């Protein structure tokens, strides 16, 4: 089965496809609707054959459909018929959960996605559990206000990195994972991490999209 994987972010939409080594990238932003995303993906993925679609969505997802509008994109994502628009079967999951699924190796893993905002997921014994930790209270604000892209610009790299490590450690102390994994575009800023932590790049979203369709075969799900 050939899978088209779509990773929807607040700045870019990344496309991966079975049999192709390099992703393709579509600009997103606060003006992007679901219909605009589909149109852009179809144009950019021209020539890529696929049997099914996996979508990582920056919001809460239930039963392969978004139930909240994204914070950093235009409204109109809830209630949109993605399968009809693509003409293919579609599986959808929270974007951080999709990358976490692709990064998973063992035990209980806490994944934190450092991008435009803060994505989060817990994977326990192969079962991915999407979480919404970004807007929990932290330092007279929320976690996202202190570790998102706006905080990186405001605080500078050194202070931002210290803030990320502090926030991640607090979450790890509460959730007791076997390992902490940092992903998302800004995870690349970390060269060294505490013992039991690791960093992954955005290519893990592709693996997570494939695993969404492989879950019925006994893999991570």
Foldseek 3Di string as FASTA:
>chain_A
DKEWEWQDDLFWIWIDIPPDDDIDIDGFWAADAPLNVLVVCCVRCPPGDGQEYEYAAQAQDDPQAHPDAHPTYYDDRHPDDPCVSNVHHYHYHHNQLLLCLLVDDDAKEWEWEAEQFIFIWIAGPLEIGGDDQQAPDDDNGGNRVLAHPVNCVVVPDPVNVVSVLVVVVVVCVVVVTQAYEYEHDVLVSDPDDDPRYYYDYPCSSVSSRVVVVVVVVPGRD
